[in-house]
Amino acid sequence: QVRLVESGGGLVQAGDSLRLSCAASEWAATRAMGWFRQAPGKEREFVAAISWIDAGKHYAEPVKDRFTISRDLAKNTVYLQMDSLTPDDTAVYYCAASVLNVPITLNQYSNQYDYWGRGTQVTVSS
């Protein structure tokens, strides 16, 4: 069973930065990984995704040019660098992993992923 553990969330002010980490228990079953977020009363939404094989990246429009997804295979870890944070970024951020290299046309959908972390809270004050 693949286990994903998120960390790095916290309380920051608008304009600040945070880096989230997602450590996977094994990399073989995490060919594609993504970050999603869910604010209270809202649906879970896609944030960013990356492929283990080619490091191809995909970002949701609201975070494009502000967030950066990256990986460190030696540590079985995926990161989400978040810059220029706004209160609209406040949410629980979840790491997800797929056994397949999900294509860019589909990796924004939650049902394409097989494993999920328990989330890390990000709160951005005005």
Protein backbone atom coordinates (compact mmCIF):
# COMPACT_ATOMS: atom_id res chain seq x y z
CA GLN A 1 0.00 0.00 0.00
CA VAL A 2 1.40 3.37 -1.05
CA ARG A 3 1.34 5.98 1.68
CA LEU A 4 1.56 9.70 1.02
CA VAL A 5 2.38 12.21 3.75
CA GLU A 6 2.02 15.95 3.17
CA SER A 7 3.82 18.59 5.18
CA GLY A 8 4.74 22.26 5.01
CA GLY A 9 1.37 23.91 5.49
CA GLY A 10 0.87 26.80 7.85
CA LEU A 11 -0.46 30.29 8.44
CA VAL A 12 1.02 33.06 6.31
CA GLN A 13 0.14 36.54 5.13
CA ALA A 14 -0.87 37.49 1.61
CA GLY A 15 2.18 37.74 -0.61
CA ASP A 16 4.17 35.20 1.40
CA SER A 17 5.45 31.82 0.23
CA LEU A 18 5.21 28.23 1.39
CA ARG A 19 6.68 24.98 0.15
CA LEU A 20 4.62 21.85 0.56
CA SER A 21 6.18 18.41 0.53
CA CYS A 22 4.65 15.03 -0.25
CA ALA A 23 6.69 12.00 0.74
CA ALA A 24 5.72 8.67 -0.85
CA SER A 25 6.47 5.31 0.70
CA GLU A 26 7.52 4.01 -2.71
CA TRP A 27 7.99 5.50 -6.15
CA ALA A 28 7.15 2.52 -8.36
CA ALA A 29 3.42 3.06 -7.96
CA THR A 30 3.60 6.85 -8.24
CA ARG A 31 4.27 7.40 -11.94
CA ALA A 32 2.21 10.58 -11.89
CA MET A 33 1.53 12.78 -8.90
CA GLY A 34 -0.65 15.78 -8.32
CA TRP A 35 -1.70 18.39 -5.83
CA PHE A 36 -5.34 19.21 -5.15
CA ARG A 37 -6.93 21.57 -2.68
CA GLN A 38 -10.28 21.92 -0.98
CA ALA A 39 -11.61 24.98 0.80
CA PRO A 40 -14.53 24.78 3.24
CA GLY A 41 -17.82 24.49 1.40
CA LYS A 42 -16.13 24.05 -1.97
CA GLU A 43 -15.34 21.14 -4.25
CA ARG A 44 -11.86 19.70 -4.37
CA GLU A 45 -9.97 21.35 -7.21
CA PHE A 46 -6.87 20.55 -9.19
CA VAL A 47 -3.71 22.54 -8.51
CA ALA A 48 -0.75 20.93 -10.29
CA ALA A 49 0.58 17.60 -11.55
CA ILE A 50 3.92 16.09 -12.56
CA SER A 51 5.08 12.90 -14.29
CA TRP A 52 7.89 10.85 -12.77
CA ILE A 53 9.14 9.77 -16.18
CA ASP A 54 9.49 13.03 -18.10
CA ALA A 55 8.80 15.66 -15.42
CA GLY A 56 5.97 17.02 -17.54
CA LYS A 57 4.02 19.61 -15.59
CA HIS A 58 0.45 20.86 -15.64
CA TYR A 59 -0.98 23.74 -13.62
CA ALA A 60 -4.44 25.03 -12.96
CA GLU A 61 -4.92 28.53 -14.33
CA PRO A 62 -5.42 30.21 -10.92
CA VAL A 63 -1.95 29.11 -9.77
CA LYS A 64 -0.02 29.17 -13.04
CA ASP A 65 3.11 31.35 -12.77
CA ARG A 66 2.75 31.45 -8.97
CA PHE A 67 3.13 27.79 -8.00
CA THR A 68 5.85 25.38 -9.06
CA ILE A 69 5.68 21.60 -8.79
CA SER A 70 8.93 19.62 -8.66
CA ARG A 71 10.25 16.24 -7.63
CA ASP A 72 13.18 14.53 -5.95
CA LEU A 73 13.17 10.86 -6.89
CA ALA A 74 15.97 10.03 -4.48
CA LYS A 75 13.72 11.11 -1.64
CA ASN A 76 10.47 9.85 -3.19
CA THR A 77 9.16 13.35 -2.65
CA VAL A 78 7.15 15.87 -4.65
CA TYR A 79 7.12 19.55 -3.76
CA LEU A 80 4.76 22.43 -4.38
CA GLN A 81 6.43 25.82 -4.12
CA MET A 82 3.73 28.43 -3.60
CA ASP A 83 4.59 32.10 -4.10
CA SER A 84 2.50 35.27 -3.99
CA LEU A 85 -0.12 33.55 -1.88
CA THR A 86 -3.56 35.11 -1.57
CA PRO A 87 -6.50 34.39 0.75
CA ASP A 88 -8.10 32.51 -2.16
CA ASP A 89 -5.33 29.92 -1.78
CA THR A 90 -6.56 29.01 1.70
CA ALA A 91 -7.47 25.32 1.68
CA VAL A 92 -6.43 21.87 2.72
CA TYR A 93 -3.88 20.70 0.18
CA TYR A 94 -3.82 17.03 -0.76
CA CYS A 95 -1.14 15.03 -2.51
CA ALA A 96 -2.30 12.33 -4.94
CA ALA A 97 -0.52 9.57 -6.84
CA SER A 98 -1.38 7.45 -9.86
CA VAL A 99 0.18 4.17 -10.96
CA LEU A 100 -0.10 5.46 -14.51
CA ASN A 101 1.34 8.48 -16.28
CA VAL A 102 -1.97 10.27 -16.54
CA PRO A 103 -2.13 12.39 -19.70
CA ILE A 104 -2.42 16.15 -19.44
CA THR A 105 -6.00 15.98 -20.68
CA LEU A 106 -7.02 13.92 -17.65
CA ASN A 107 -4.65 14.62 -14.76
CA GLN A 108 -6.82 17.46 -13.50
CA TYR A 109 -9.52 14.99 -12.45
CA SER A 110 -9.47 13.46 -8.99
CA ASN A 111 -10.70 10.08 -10.18
CA GLN A 112 -7.51 9.52 -12.17
CA TYR A 113 -5.50 9.03 -8.96
CA ASP A 114 -5.14 5.89 -6.89
CA TYR A 115 -3.68 7.13 -3.61
CA TRP A 116 -4.21 10.21 -1.47
CA GLY A 117 -2.54 11.81 1.48
CA ARG A 118 -4.46 13.14 4.45
CA GLY A 119 -3.81 16.78 3.63
CA THR A 120 -2.00 19.79 5.05
CA GLN A 121 -3.72 23.06 5.94
CA VAL A 122 -2.67 26.29 4.24
CA THR A 123 -4.17 29.51 5.58
CA VAL A 124 -3.43 32.88 4.00
CA SER A 125 -4.51 36.01 5.86
CA SER A 126 -5.22 39.36 4.24
